[in-house]
PDB file of all heavy atoms in Angstrom:
ATOM      1  N   GLU A   1      17.118  42.409 125.733  1.00  0.00           N
ATOM      2  CA  GLU A   1      16.953  41.128 125.111  1.00  0.00           C
ATOM      3  C   GLU A   1      16.014  40.213 125.781  1.00  0.00           C
ATOM      4  O   GLU A   1      15.340  39.397 125.187  1.00  0.00           O
ATOM      5  CB  GLU A   1      18.391  40.430 124.891  1.00  0.00           C
ATOM      6  CG  GLU A   1      18.999  39.902 126.172  1.00  0.00           C
ATOM      7  CD  GLU A   1      19.671  40.964 127.166  1.00  0.00           C
ATOM      8  OE1 GLU A   1      19.706  42.170 126.728  1.00  0.00           O
ATOM      9  OE2 GLU A   1      19.958  40.574 128.215  1.00  0.00           O
ATOM     10  N   LYS A   2      15.901  40.280 127.097  1.00  0.00           N
ATOM     11  CA  LYS A   2      15.122  39.383 127.880  1.00  0.00           C
ATOM     12  C   LYS A   2      13.579  39.731 127.472  1.00  0.00           C
ATOM     13  O   LYS A   2      12.737  38.932 127.224  1.00  0.00           O
ATOM     14  CB  LYS A   2      15.342  39.586 129.331  1.00  0.00           C
ATOM     15  CG  LYS A   2      14.570  38.480 130.173  1.00  0.00           C
ATOM     16  CD  LYS A   2      14.892  38.521 131.627  1.00  0.00           C
ATOM     17  CE  LYS A   2      16.164  37.691 131.872  1.00  0.00           C
ATOM     18  NZ  LYS A   2      16.339  37.485 133.381  1.00  0.00           N
ATOM     19  N   GLU A   3      13.181  41.082 127.540  1.00  0.00           N
ATOM     20  CA  GLU A   3      11.919  41.440 127.166  1.00  0.00           C
ATOM     21  C   GLU A   3      11.561  41.073 125.697  1.00  0.00           C
ATOM     22  O   GLU A   3      10.472  40.789 125.404  1.00  0.00           O
ATOM     23  CB  GLU A   3      11.727  42.996 127.388  1.00  0.00           C
ATOM     24  CG  GLU A   3      11.130  43.392 128.706  1.00  0.00           C
ATOM     25  CD  GLU A   3      10.752  44.897 128.724  1.00  0.00           C
ATOM     26  OE1 GLU A   3      10.514  45.536 127.682  1.00  0.00           O
ATOM     27  OE2 GLU A   3      10.903  45.406 129.801  1.00  0.00           O
ATOM     28  N   THR A   4      12.615  41.209 124.823  1.00  0.00           N
ATOM     29  CA  THR A   4      12.398  40.869 123.461  1.00  0.00           C
ATOM     30  C   THR A   4      11.971  39.368 123.212  1.00  0.00           C
ATOM     31  O   THR A   4      11.067  39.060 122.585  1.00  0.00           O
ATOM     32  CB  THR A   4      13.653  41.308 122.543  1.00  0.00           C
ATOM     33  OG1 THR A   4      13.874  42.694 122.778  1.00  0.00           O
ATOM     34  CG2 THR A   4      13.333  40.967 121.030  1.00  0.00           C
ATOM     35  N   LEU A   5      12.800  38.555 124.001  1.00  0.00           N
ATOM     36  CA  LEU A   5      12.544  37.097 123.875  1.00  0.00           C
ATOM     37  C   LEU A   5      11.141  36.759 124.429  1.00  0.00           C
ATOM     38  O   LEU A   5      10.449  36.035 123.803  1.00  0.00           O
ATOM     39  CB  LEU A   5      13.598  36.336 124.724  1.00  0.00           C
ATOM     40  CG  LEU A   5      13.471  34.914 124.891  1.00  0.00           C
ATOM     41  CD1 LEU A   5      13.472  34.204 123.442  1.00  0.00           C
ATOM     42  CD2 LEU A   5      14.420  34.243 125.751  1.00  0.00           C
ATOM     43  N   GLU A   6      10.722  37.379 125.616  1.00  0.00           N
ATOM     44  CA  GLU A   6       9.463  37.056 126.127  1.00  0.00           C
ATOM     45  C   GLU A   6       8.327  37.592 125.238  1.00  0.00           C
ATOM     46  O   GLU A   6       7.245  36.987 125.138  1.00  0.00           O
ATOM     47  CB  GLU A   6       9.382  37.565 127.521  1.00  0.00           C
ATOM     48  CG  GLU A   6      10.288  36.906 128.538  1.00  0.00           C
ATOM     49  CD  GLU A   6      10.151  35.409 128.562  1.00  0.00           C
ATOM     50  OE1 GLU A   6       8.948  34.910 128.410  1.00  0.00           O
ATOM     51  OE2 GLU A   6      11.122  34.654 128.848  1.00  0.00           O
ATOM     52  N   ALA A   7       8.568  38.804 124.589  1.00  0.00           N
ATOM     53  CA  ALA A   7       7.634  39.296 123.687  1.00  0.00           C
ATOM     54  C   ALA A   7       7.337  38.381 122.444  1.00  0.00           C
ATOM     55  O   ALA A   7       6.266  38.207 122.052  1.00  0.00           O
ATOM     56  CB  ALA A   7       8.105  40.711 123.189  1.00  0.00           C
ATOM     57  N   PHE A   8       8.447  37.858 121.893  1.00  0.00           N
ATOM     58  CA  PHE A   8       8.311  36.942 120.799  1.00  0.00           C
ATOM     59  C   PHE A   8       7.592  35.663 121.256  1.00  0.00           C
ATOM     60  O   PHE A   8       6.664  35.216 120.450  1.00  0.00           O
ATOM     61  CB  PHE A   8       9.743  36.559 120.150  1.00  0.00           C
ATOM     62  CG  PHE A   8      10.163  37.505 119.098  1.00  0.00           C
ATOM     63  CD1 PHE A   8      11.035  38.499 119.367  1.00  0.00           C
ATOM     64  CD2 PHE A   8       9.596  37.355 117.846  1.00  0.00           C
ATOM     65  CE1 PHE A   8      11.424  39.317 118.375  1.00  0.00           C
ATOM     66  CE2 PHE A   8      10.030  38.227 116.791  1.00  0.00           C
ATOM     67  CZ  PHE A   8      10.929  39.203 117.060  1.00  0.00           C
ATOM     68  N   LYS A   9       7.881  35.146 122.384  1.00  0.00           N
ATOM     69  CA  LYS A   9       7.252  33.937 122.831  1.00  0.00           C
ATOM     70  C   LYS A   9       5.695  34.245 122.934  1.00  0.00           C
ATOM     71  O   LYS A   9       4.850  33.407 122.520  1.00  0.00           O
ATOM     72  CB  LYS A   9       7.759  33.532 124.237  1.00  0.00           C
ATOM     73  CG  LYS A   9       9.123  32.868 124.128  1.00  0.00           C
ATOM     74  CD  LYS A   9       9.425  32.485 125.590  1.00  0.00           C
ATOM     75  CE  LYS A   9      10.878  32.024 125.737  1.00  0.00           C
ATOM     76  NZ  LYS A   9      11.249  31.745 127.223  1.00  0.00           N
ATOM     77  N   TRP A  10       5.402  35.407 123.574  1.00  0.00           N
ATOM     78  CA  TRP A  10       3.858  35.783 123.750  1.00  0.00           C
ATOM     79  C   TRP A  10       3.260  35.973 122.400  1.00  0.00           C
ATOM     80  O   TRP A  10       2.141  35.551 122.182  1.00  0.00           O
ATOM     81  CB  TRP A  10       3.936  36.999 124.589  1.00  0.00           C
ATOM     82  CG  TRP A  10       2.566  37.554 124.896  1.00  0.00           C
ATOM     83  CD1 TRP A  10       1.719  37.061 125.862  1.00  0.00           C
ATOM     84  CD2 TRP A  10       1.825  38.538 124.223  1.00  0.00           C
ATOM     85  NE1 TRP A  10       0.540  37.775 125.911  1.00  0.00           N
ATOM     86  CE2 TRP A  10       0.583  38.704 124.896  1.00  0.00           C
ATOM     87  CE3 TRP A  10       2.122  39.458 123.202  1.00  0.00           C
ATOM     88  CZ2 TRP A  10      -0.417  39.628 124.483  1.00  0.00           C
ATOM     89  CZ3 TRP A  10       1.187  40.402 122.836  1.00  0.00           C
ATOM     90  CH2 TRP A  10      -0.087  40.486 123.427  1.00  0.00           C
ATOM     91  N   ALA A  11       4.008  36.698 121.493  1.00  0.00           N
ATOM     92  CA  ALA A  11       3.432  36.980 120.105  1.00  0.00           C
ATOM     93  C   ALA A  11       3.059  35.717 119.398  1.00  0.00           C
ATOM     94  O   ALA A  11       2.030  35.650 118.665  1.00  0.00           O
ATOM     95  CB  ALA A  11       4.390  37.854 119.321  1.00  0.00           C
ATOM     96  N   LEU A  12       3.858  34.704 119.408  1.00  0.00           N
ATOM     97  CA  LEU A  12       3.651  33.416 118.728  1.00  0.00           C
ATOM     98  C   LEU A  12       2.485  32.684 119.273  1.00  0.00           C
ATOM     99  O   LEU A  12       1.930  31.885 118.559  1.00  0.00           O
ATOM    100  CB  LEU A  12       5.036  32.534 118.803  1.00  0.00           C
ATOM    101  CG  LEU A  12       6.155  33.117 117.979  1.00  0.00           C
ATOM    102  CD1 LEU A  12       7.429  32.270 118.330  1.00  0.00           C
ATOM    103  CD2 LEU A  12       5.816  33.143 116.546  1.00  0.00           C
ATOM    104  N   LYS A  13       1.977  33.000 120.467  1.00  0.00           N
ATOM    105  CA  LYS A  13       0.807  32.342 121.032  1.00  0.00           C
ATOM    106  C   LYS A  13      -0.452  33.160 120.761  1.00  0.00           C
ATOM    107  O   LYS A  13      -1.542  32.632 121.039  1.00  0.00           O
ATOM    108  CB  LYS A  13       1.016  32.187 122.541  1.00  0.00           C
ATOM    109  CG  LYS A  13       2.132  31.228 122.940  1.00  0.00           C
ATOM    110  CD  LYS A  13       2.236  31.244 124.433  1.00  0.00           C
ATOM    111  CE  LYS A  13       3.471  30.499 124.805  1.00  0.00           C
ATOM    112  NZ  LYS A  13       3.808  30.638 126.251  1.00  0.00           N
ATOM    113  N   GLN A  14      -0.386  34.283 120.169  1.00  0.00           N
ATOM    114  CA  GLN A  14      -1.551  35.130 119.856  1.00  0.00           C
ATOM    115  C   GLN A  14      -2.279  34.715 118.610  1.00  0.00           C
ATOM    116  O   GLN A  14      -1.565  34.491 117.634  1.00  0.00           O
ATOM    117  CB  GLN A  14      -1.132  36.625 119.781  1.00  0.00           C
ATOM    118  CG  GLN A  14      -0.434  37.170 121.030  1.00  0.00           C
ATOM    119  CD  GLN A  14      -1.294  36.862 122.295  1.00  0.00           C
ATOM    120  OE1 GLN A  14      -2.390  37.323 122.451  1.00  0.00           O
ATOM    121  NE2 GLN A  14      -0.657  36.167 123.255  1.00  0.00           N
ATOM    122  N   ASN A  15      -3.566  34.643 118.643  1.00  0.00           N
ATOM    123  CA  ASN A  15      -4.350  34.379 117.412  1.00  0.00           C
ATOM    124  C   ASN A  15      -5.463  35.415 117.230  1.00  0.00           C
ATOM    125  O   ASN A  15      -6.217  35.238 116.307  1.00  0.00           O
ATOM    126  CB  ASN A  15      -4.823  32.897 117.480  1.00  0.00           C
ATOM    127  CG  ASN A  15      -5.699  32.622 118.743  1.00  0.00           C
ATOM    128  OD1 ASN A  15      -6.092  33.519 119.350  1.00  0.00           O
ATOM    129  ND2 ASN A  15      -5.933  31.351 118.837  1.00  0.00           N
ATOM    130  N   GLN A  16      -5.538  36.389 118.139  1.00  0.00           N
ATOM    131  CA  GLN A  16      -6.585  37.349 117.968  1.00  0.00           C
ATOM    132  C   GLN A  16      -6.001  38.681 117.402  1.00  0.00           C
ATOM    133  O   GLN A  16      -6.797  39.554 116.851  1.00  0.00           O
ATOM    134  CB  GLN A  16      -7.269  37.700 119.310  1.00  0.00           C
ATOM    135  CG  GLN A  16      -7.962  36.503 119.955  1.00  0.00           C
ATOM    136  CD  GLN A  16      -9.113  36.142 119.090  1.00  0.00           C
ATOM    137  OE1 GLN A  16      -9.878  36.947 118.640  1.00  0.00           O
ATOM    138  NE2 GLN A  16      -9.309  34.828 118.962  1.00  0.00           N
ATOM    139  N   ASN A  17      -4.713  38.940 117.664  1.00  0.00           N
ATOM    140  CA  ASN A  17      -4.120  40.163 117.253  1.00  0.00           C
ATOM    141  C   ASN A  17      -2.877  40.059 116.353  1.00  0.00           C
ATOM    142  O   ASN A  17      -2.263  39.021 116.486  1.00  0.00           O
ATOM    143  CB  ASN A  17      -3.728  40.940 118.555  1.00  0.00           C
ATOM    144  CG  ASN A  17      -4.854  41.330 119.369  1.00  0.00           C
ATOM    145  OD1 ASN A  17      -5.787  42.067 118.990  1.00  0.00           O
ATOM    146  ND2 ASN A  17      -4.951  40.752 120.642  1.00  0.00           N
ATOM    147  N   GLN A  18      -2.611  41.117 115.592  1.00  0.00           N
ATOM    148  CA  GLN A  18      -1.385  41.200 114.884  1.00  0.00           C
ATOM    149  C   GLN A  18      -0.490  41.757 115.801  1.00  0.00           C
ATOM    150  O   GLN A  18      -0.787  42.689 116.614  1.00  0.00           O
ATOM    151  CB  GLN A  18      -1.594  42.106 113.684  1.00  0.00           C
ATOM    152  CG  GLN A  18      -2.507  41.559 112.602  1.00  0.00           C
ATOM    153  CD  GLN A  18      -2.103  40.179 112.060  1.00  0.00           C
ATOM    154  OE1 GLN A  18      -0.940  40.042 111.686  1.00  0.00           O
ATOM    155  NE2 GLN A  18      -2.969  39.341 111.928  1.00  0.00           N
ATOM    156  N   ILE A  19       0.850  41.384 115.825  1.00  0.00           N
ATOM    157  CA  ILE A  19       1.820  41.864 116.807  1.00  0.00           C
ATOM    158  C   ILE A  19       2.915  42.585 116.131  1.00  0.00           C
ATOM    159  O   ILE A  19       3.467  42.059 115.153  1.00  0.00           O
ATOM    160  CB  ILE A  19       2.404  40.748 117.657  1.00  0.00           C
ATOM    161  CG1 ILE A  19       1.314  39.797 118.303  1.00  0.00           C
ATOM    162  CG2 ILE A  19       3.339  41.262 118.688  1.00  0.00           C
ATOM    163  CD1 ILE A  19       0.398  40.541 119.222  1.00  0.00           C
ATOM    164  N   ALA A  20       3.319  43.813 116.502  1.00  0.00           N
ATOM    165  CA  ALA A  20       4.384  44.451 116.036  1.00  0.00           C
ATOM    166  C   ALA A  20       5.385  44.672 117.201  1.00  0.00           C
ATOM    167  O   ALA A  20       5.044  45.254 118.215  1.00  0.00           O
ATOM    168  CB  ALA A  20       3.975  45.902 115.488  1.00  0.00           C
ATOM    169  N   ILE A  21       6.574  44.179 117.013  1.00  0.00           N
ATOM    170  CA  ILE A  21       7.596  44.242 117.998  1.00  0.00           C
ATOM    171  C   ILE A  21       8.614  45.282 117.528  1.00  0.00           C
ATOM    172  O   ILE A  21       9.236  45.090 116.514  1.00  0.00           O
ATOM    173  CB  ILE A  21       8.338  42.916 118.289  1.00  0.00           C
ATOM    174  CG1 ILE A  21       7.188  41.948 118.871  1.00  0.00           C
ATOM    175  CG2 ILE A  21       9.426  43.075 119.356  1.00  0.00           C
ATOM    176  CD1 ILE A  21       7.654  40.539 119.093  1.00  0.00           C
ATOM    177  N   ILE A  22       8.664  46.339 118.165  1.00  0.00           N
ATOM    178  CA  ILE A  22       9.487  47.513 117.795  1.00  0.00           C
ATOM    179  C   ILE A  22      10.785  47.448 118.482  1.00  0.00           C
ATOM    180  O   ILE A  22      10.806  47.731 119.760  1.00  0.00           O
ATOM    181  CB  ILE A  22       8.752  48.920 118.094  1.00  0.00           C
ATOM    182  CG1 ILE A  22       7.343  48.789 117.504  1.00  0.00           C
ATOM    183  CG2 ILE A  22       9.510  50.045 117.459  1.00  0.00           C
ATOM    184  CD1 ILE A  22       7.136  48.483 116.053  1.00  0.00           C
ATOM    185  N   THR A  23      11.901  47.275 117.889  1.00  0.00           N
ATOM    186  CA  THR A  23      13.231  47.339 118.519  1.00  0.00           C
ATOM    187  C   THR A  23      13.972  48.490 117.974  1.00  0.00           C
ATOM    188  O   THR A  23      13.511  49.241 117.217  1.00  0.00           O
ATOM    189  CB  THR A  23      13.910  45.923 118.212  1.00  0.00           C
ATOM    190  OG1 THR A  23      14.145  45.855 116.756  1.00  0.00           O
ATOM    191  CG2 THR A  23      13.232  44.769 118.766  1.00  0.00           C
ATOM    192  N   CYS A  24      15.200  48.486 118.520  1.00  0.00           N
ATOM    193  CA  CYS A  24      16.058  49.612 118.144  1.00  0.00           C
ATOM    194  C   CYS A  24      17.419  49.219 117.522  1.00  0.00           C
ATOM    195  O   CYS A  24      17.751  48.133 117.724  1.00  0.00           O
ATOM    196  CB  CYS A  24      16.244  50.679 119.310  1.00  0.00           C
ATOM    197  SG  CYS A  24      17.093  49.970 120.605  1.00  0.00           S
ATOM    198  N   ARG A  25      18.094  50.112 116.940  1.00  0.00           N
ATOM    199  CA  ARG A  25      19.327  49.666 116.306  1.00  0.00           C
ATOM    200  C   ARG A  25      20.597  50.028 117.092  1.00  0.00           C
ATOM    201  O   ARG A  25      21.670  49.648 116.837  1.00  0.00           O
ATOM    202  CB  ARG A  25      19.405  50.305 114.931  1.00  0.00           C
ATOM    203  CG  ARG A  25      19.434  51.730 114.802  1.00  0.00           C
ATOM    204  CD  ARG A  25      19.443  52.213 113.427  1.00  0.00           C
ATOM    205  NE  ARG A  25      19.373  53.641 113.416  1.00  0.00           N
ATOM    206  CZ  ARG A  25      19.697  54.494 112.404  1.00  0.00           C
ATOM    207  NH1 ARG A  25      19.949  53.930 111.242  1.00  0.00           N
ATOM    208  NH2 ARG A  25      19.635  55.703 112.441  1.00  0.00           N
ATOM    209  N   GLN A  26      20.285  50.904 118.113  1.00  0.00           N
ATOM    210  CA  GLN A  26      21.511  51.366 118.913  1.00  0.00           C
ATOM    211  C   GLN A  26      21.727  50.297 120.046  1.00  0.00           C
ATOM    212  O   GLN A  26      20.887  49.509 120.318  1.00  0.00           O
ATOM    213  CB  GLN A  26      21.249  52.717 119.490  1.00  0.00           C
ATOM    214  CG  GLN A  26      20.294  52.834 120.586  1.00  0.00           C
ATOM    215  CD  GLN A  26      18.976  53.492 120.146  1.00  0.00           C
ATOM    216  OE1 GLN A  26      18.543  53.314 118.957  1.00  0.00           O
ATOM    217  NE2 GLN A  26      18.228  54.131 121.037  1.00  0.00           N
ATOM    218  N   SER A  27      22.846  50.411 120.662  1.00  0.00           N
ATOM    219  CA  SER A  27      23.223  49.536 121.782  1.00  0.00           C
ATOM    220  C   SER A  27      22.245  49.841 122.934  1.00  0.00           C
ATOM    221  O   SER A  27      22.082  51.123 123.120  1.00  0.00           O
ATOM    222  CB  SER A  27      24.636  49.720 122.216  1.00  0.00           C
ATOM    223  OG  SER A  27      25.510  49.290 121.239  1.00  0.00           O
ATOM    224  N   ILE A  28      21.758  48.900 123.603  1.00  0.00           N
ATOM    225  CA  ILE A  28      20.923  49.198 124.798  1.00  0.00           C
ATOM    226  C   ILE A  28      21.439  48.392 125.935  1.00  0.00           C
ATOM    227  O   ILE A  28      22.115  47.406 125.880  1.00  0.00           O
ATOM    228  CB  ILE A  28      19.479  48.823 124.526  1.00  0.00           C
ATOM    229  CG1 ILE A  28      19.332  47.346 124.025  1.00  0.00           C
ATOM    230  CG2 ILE A  28      18.885  49.730 123.526  1.00  0.00           C
ATOM    231  CD1 ILE A  28      17.885  46.869 123.860  1.00  0.00           C
ATOM    232  N   ALA A  29      21.031  48.858 127.158  1.00  0.00           N
ATOM    233  CA  ALA A  29      21.421  48.205 128.440  1.00  0.00           C
ATOM    234  C   ALA A  29      20.633  46.912 128.589  1.00  0.00           C
ATOM    235  O   ALA A  29      19.564  46.726 128.032  1.00  0.00           O
ATOM    236  CB  ALA A  29      21.054  49.077 129.613  1.00  0.00           C
ATOM    237  N   SER A  30      21.306  45.984 129.293  1.00  0.00           N
ATOM    238  CA  SER A  30      20.648  44.733 129.607  1.00  0.00           C
ATOM    239  C   SER A  30      20.290  44.886 131.106  1.00  0.00           C
ATOM    240  O   SER A  30      21.153  45.028 131.900  1.00  0.00           O
ATOM    241  CB  SER A  30      21.599  43.591 129.346  1.00  0.00           C
ATOM    242  OG  SER A  30      21.056  42.408 129.707  1.00  0.00           O
ATOM    243  N   PHE A  31      19.016  44.636 131.397  1.00  0.00           N
ATOM    244  CA  PHE A  31      18.677  44.826 132.836  1.00  0.00           C
ATOM    245  C   PHE A  31      18.478  43.420 133.482  1.00  0.00           C
ATOM    246  O   PHE A  31      18.124  42.414 132.912  1.00  0.00           O
ATOM    247  CB  PHE A  31      17.257  45.575 132.812  1.00  0.00           C
ATOM    248  CG  PHE A  31      17.345  46.885 132.229  1.00  0.00           C
ATOM    249  CD1 PHE A  31      16.921  47.104 131.009  1.00  0.00           C
ATOM    250  CD2 PHE A  31      17.830  47.876 132.995  1.00  0.00           C
ATOM    251  CE1 PHE A  31      16.931  48.314 130.328  1.00  0.00           C
ATOM    252  CE2 PHE A  31      17.958  49.247 132.371  1.00  0.00           C
ATOM    253  CZ  PHE A  31      17.499  49.420 131.172  1.00  0.00           C
ATOM    254  N   LYS A  32      18.831  43.345 134.749  1.00  0.00           N
ATOM    255  CA  LYS A  32      18.797  42.141 135.478  1.00  0.00           C
ATOM    256  C   LYS A  32      17.433  42.073 136.175  1.00  0.00           C
ATOM    257  O   LYS A  32      17.262  42.232 137.325  1.00  0.00           O
ATOM    258  CB  LYS A  32      19.964  42.157 136.556  1.00  0.00           C
ATOM    259  CG  LYS A  32      21.306  42.226 135.956  1.00  0.00           C
ATOM    260  CD  LYS A  32      22.428  42.269 136.975  1.00  0.00           C
ATOM    261  CE  LYS A  32      23.748  42.214 136.282  1.00  0.00           C
ATOM    262  NZ  LYS A  32      24.849  42.437 137.120  1.00  0.00           N
ATOM    263  N   SER A  33      16.507  41.722 135.351  1.00  0.00           N
ATOM    264  CA  SER A  33      15.141  41.476 135.863  1.00  0.00           C
ATOM    265  C   SER A  33      14.884  39.991 136.010  1.00  0.00           C
ATOM    266  O   SER A  33      15.636  39.159 135.374  1.00  0.00           O
ATOM    267  CB  SER A  33      14.119  42.051 134.840  1.00  0.00           C
ATOM    268  OG  SER A  33      14.049  41.301 133.659  1.00  0.00           O
ATOM    269  N   ASN A  34      13.998  39.622 136.730  1.00  0.00           N
ATOM    270  CA  ASN A  34      13.569  38.265 136.910  1.00  0.00           C
ATOM    271  C   ASN A  34      12.388  37.950 135.970  1.00  0.00           C
ATOM    272  O   ASN A  34      11.554  37.042 136.299  1.00  0.00           O
ATOM    273  CB  ASN A  34      13.260  37.877 138.362  1.00  0.00           C
ATOM    274  CG  ASN A  34      12.148  38.786 138.927  1.00  0.00           C
ATOM    275  OD1 ASN A  34      11.621  39.714 138.281  1.00  0.00           O
ATOM    276  ND2 ASN A  34      11.873  38.621 140.167  1.00  0.00           N
ATOM    277  N   LEU A  35      12.261  38.573 134.889  1.00  0.00           N
ATOM    278  CA  LEU A  35      11.180  38.496 133.937  1.00  0.00           C
ATOM    279  C   LEU A  35      11.299  37.016 133.374  1.00  0.00           C
ATOM    280  O   LEU A  35      12.314  36.604 132.809  1.00  0.00           O
ATOM    281  CB  LEU A  35      11.261  39.460 132.848  1.00  0.00           C
ATOM    282  CG  LEU A  35      10.054  39.484 131.807  1.00  0.00           C
ATOM    283  CD1 LEU A  35       8.814  39.972 132.505  1.00  0.00           C
ATOM    284  CD2 LEU A  35      10.414  40.478 130.699  1.00  0.00           C
ATOM    285  N   ASN A  36      10.231  36.253 133.443  1.00  0.00           N
ATOM    286  CA  ASN A  36      10.212  34.941 132.889  1.00  0.00           C
ATOM    287  C   ASN A  36       8.982  34.615 132.067  1.00  0.00           C
ATOM    288  O   ASN A  36       8.661  33.533 131.695  1.00  0.00           O
ATOM    289  CB  ASN A  36      10.421  33.856 133.864  1.00  0.00           C
ATOM    290  CG  ASN A  36       9.448  33.892 135.012  1.00  0.00           C
ATOM    291  OD1 ASN A  36       8.485  34.627 134.964  1.00  0.00           O
ATOM    292  ND2 ASN A  36       9.704  33.138 136.056  1.00  0.00           N
ATOM    293  N   THR A  37       8.177  35.731 131.954  1.00  0.00           N
ATOM    294  CA  THR A  37       6.920  35.584 131.114  1.00  0.00           C
ATOM    295  C   THR A  37       6.626  37.036 130.657  1.00  0.00           C
ATOM    296  O   THR A  37       7.039  38.013 131.380  1.00  0.00           O
ATOM    297  CB  THR A  37       5.786  35.000 131.907  1.00  0.00           C
ATOM    298  OG1 THR A  37       4.697  34.926 131.031  1.00  0.00           O
ATOM    299  CG2 THR A  37       5.328  35.879 133.071  1.00  0.00           C
ATOM    300  N   PHE A  38       6.018  37.236 129.618  1.00  0.00           N
ATOM    301  CA  PHE A  38       5.772  38.581 129.090  1.00  0.00           C
ATOM    302  C   PHE A  38       4.709  39.324 129.934  1.00  0.00           C
ATOM    303  O   PHE A  38       3.720  38.680 130.308  1.00  0.00           O
ATOM    304  CB  PHE A  38       5.254  38.505 127.588  1.00  0.00           C
ATOM    305  CG  PHE A  38       4.991  39.879 127.040  1.00  0.00           C
ATOM    306  CD1 PHE A  38       6.036  40.587 126.651  1.00  0.00           C
ATOM    307  CD2 PHE A  38       3.702  40.355 126.965  1.00  0.00           C
ATOM    308  CE1 PHE A  38       5.910  41.910 126.172  1.00  0.00           C
ATOM    309  CE2 PHE A  38       3.486  41.591 126.367  1.00  0.00           C
ATOM    310  CZ  PHE A  38       4.617  42.369 126.026  1.00  0.00           C
ATOM    311  N   LYS A  39       4.864  40.533 130.146  1.00  0.00           N
ATOM    312  CA  LYS A  39       3.955  41.406 130.914  1.00  0.00           C
ATOM    313  C   LYS A  39       3.904  42.753 130.173  1.00  0.00           C
ATOM    314  O   LYS A  39       4.923  43.235 129.662  1.00  0.00           O
ATOM    315  CB  LYS A  39       4.536  41.655 132.324  1.00  0.00           C
ATOM    316  CG  LYS A  39       4.660  40.381 133.198  1.00  0.00           C
ATOM    317  CD  LYS A  39       5.124  40.568 134.493  1.00  0.00           C
ATOM    318  CE  LYS A  39       5.293  39.332 135.317  1.00  0.00           C
ATOM    319  NZ  LYS A  39       5.860  39.557 136.628  1.00  0.00           N
ATOM    320  N   ALA A  40       2.745  43.271 130.155  1.00  0.00           N
ATOM    321  CA  ALA A  40       2.463  44.676 129.589  1.00  0.00           C
ATOM    322  C   ALA A  40       3.284  45.638 130.228  1.00  0.00           C
ATOM    323  O   ALA A  40       3.820  46.648 129.603  1.00  0.00           O
ATOM    324  CB  ALA A  40       1.065  44.975 129.565  1.00  0.00           C
ATOM    325  N   ALA A  41       3.468  45.582 131.550  1.00  0.00           N
ATOM    326  CA  ALA A  41       4.283  46.526 132.304  1.00  0.00           C
ATOM    327  C   ALA A  41       4.683  45.807 133.733  1.00  0.00           C
ATOM    328  O   ALA A  41       3.928  45.021 134.131  1.00  0.00           O
ATOM    329  CB  ALA A  41       3.534  47.737 132.637  1.00  0.00           C
ATOM    330  N   TYR A  42       5.808  46.179 134.108  1.00  0.00           N
ATOM    331  CA  TYR A  42       6.310  45.589 135.464  1.00  0.00           C
ATOM    332  C   TYR A  42       7.380  46.487 135.984  1.00  0.00           C
ATOM    333  O   TYR A  42       7.981  47.215 135.297  1.00  0.00           O
ATOM    334  CB  TYR A  42       6.826  44.090 135.196  1.00  0.00           C
ATOM    335  CG  TYR A  42       8.093  44.098 134.280  1.00  0.00           C
ATOM    336  CD1 TYR A  42       9.370  44.004 134.817  1.00  0.00           C
ATOM    337  CD2 TYR A  42       7.945  44.123 132.965  1.00  0.00           C
ATOM    338  CE1 TYR A  42      10.507  43.972 134.011  1.00  0.00           C
ATOM    339  CE2 TYR A  42       9.061  44.132 132.079  1.00  0.00           C
ATOM    340  CZ  TYR A  42      10.370  43.986 132.638  1.00  0.00           C
ATOM    341  OH  TYR A  42      11.467  43.989 131.841  1.00  0.00           O
ATOM    342  N   ILE A  43       7.625  46.361 137.243  1.00  0.00           N
ATOM    343  CA  ILE A  43       8.529  47.108 138.014  1.00  0.00           C
ATOM    344  C   ILE A  43       9.983  46.569 137.711  1.00  0.00           C
ATOM    345  O   ILE A  43      10.243  45.333 138.037  1.00  0.00           O
ATOM    346  CB  ILE A  43       8.276  47.138 139.529  1.00  0.00           C
ATOM    347  CG1 ILE A  43       6.896  47.779 139.782  1.00  0.00           C
ATOM    348  CG2 ILE A  43       9.302  47.922 140.327  1.00  0.00           C
ATOM    349  CD1 ILE A  43       6.342  47.696 141.143  1.00  0.00           C
ATOM    350  N   LEU A  44      10.866  47.472 137.250  1.00  0.00           N
ATOM    351  CA  LEU A  44      12.240  46.996 136.999  1.00  0.00           C
ATOM    352  C   LEU A  44      13.115  47.427 138.231  1.00  0.00           C
ATOM    353  O   LEU A  44      14.115  46.712 138.646  1.00  0.00           O
ATOM    354  CB  LEU A  44      12.850  47.689 135.840  1.00  0.00           C
ATOM    355  CG  LEU A  44      12.868  46.930 134.521  1.00  0.00           C
ATOM    356  CD1 LEU A  44      13.336  47.716 133.435  1.00  0.00           C
ATOM    357  CD2 LEU A  44      13.610  45.597 134.744  1.00  0.00           C
ATOM    358  N   LYS A  45      12.830  48.583 138.828  1.00  0.00           N
ATOM    359  CA  LYS A  45      13.638  49.068 139.946  1.00  0.00           C
ATOM    360  C   LYS A  45      12.543  49.522 140.995  1.00  0.00           C
ATOM    361  O   LYS A  45      11.762  50.364 140.693  1.00  0.00           O
ATOM    362  CB  LYS A  45      14.555  50.274 139.630  1.00  0.00           C
ATOM    363  CG  LYS A  45      15.175  50.813 140.758  1.00  0.00           C
ATOM    364  CD  LYS A  45      15.936  52.124 140.394  1.00  0.00           C
ATOM    365  CE  LYS A  45      16.302  52.905 141.657  1.00  0.00           C
ATOM    366  NZ  LYS A  45      15.677  54.085 141.727  1.00  0.00           N
ATOM    367  N   SER A  46      12.621  48.946 142.148  1.00  0.00           N
ATOM    368  CA  SER A  46      11.613  49.318 143.175  1.00  0.00           C
ATOM    369  C   SER A  46      12.302  49.886 144.401  1.00  0.00           C
ATOM    370  O   SER A  46      13.460  49.656 144.732  1.00  0.00           O
ATOM    371  CB  SER A  46      10.793  48.109 143.603  1.00  0.00           C
ATOM    372  OG  SER A  46      11.614  47.108 144.207  1.00  0.00           O
TER     373      SER A  46
END
């Protein structure tokens, strides 16, 4: 949910690209990341 929220915030600021946010219908884990801005990739467990 944290990545999804940050993805939506990032997508709403885009004016050069169309954005497709692909989610799933099954239950998923919630990760305790310190993500506070959208990133293309980041370390979740180091």
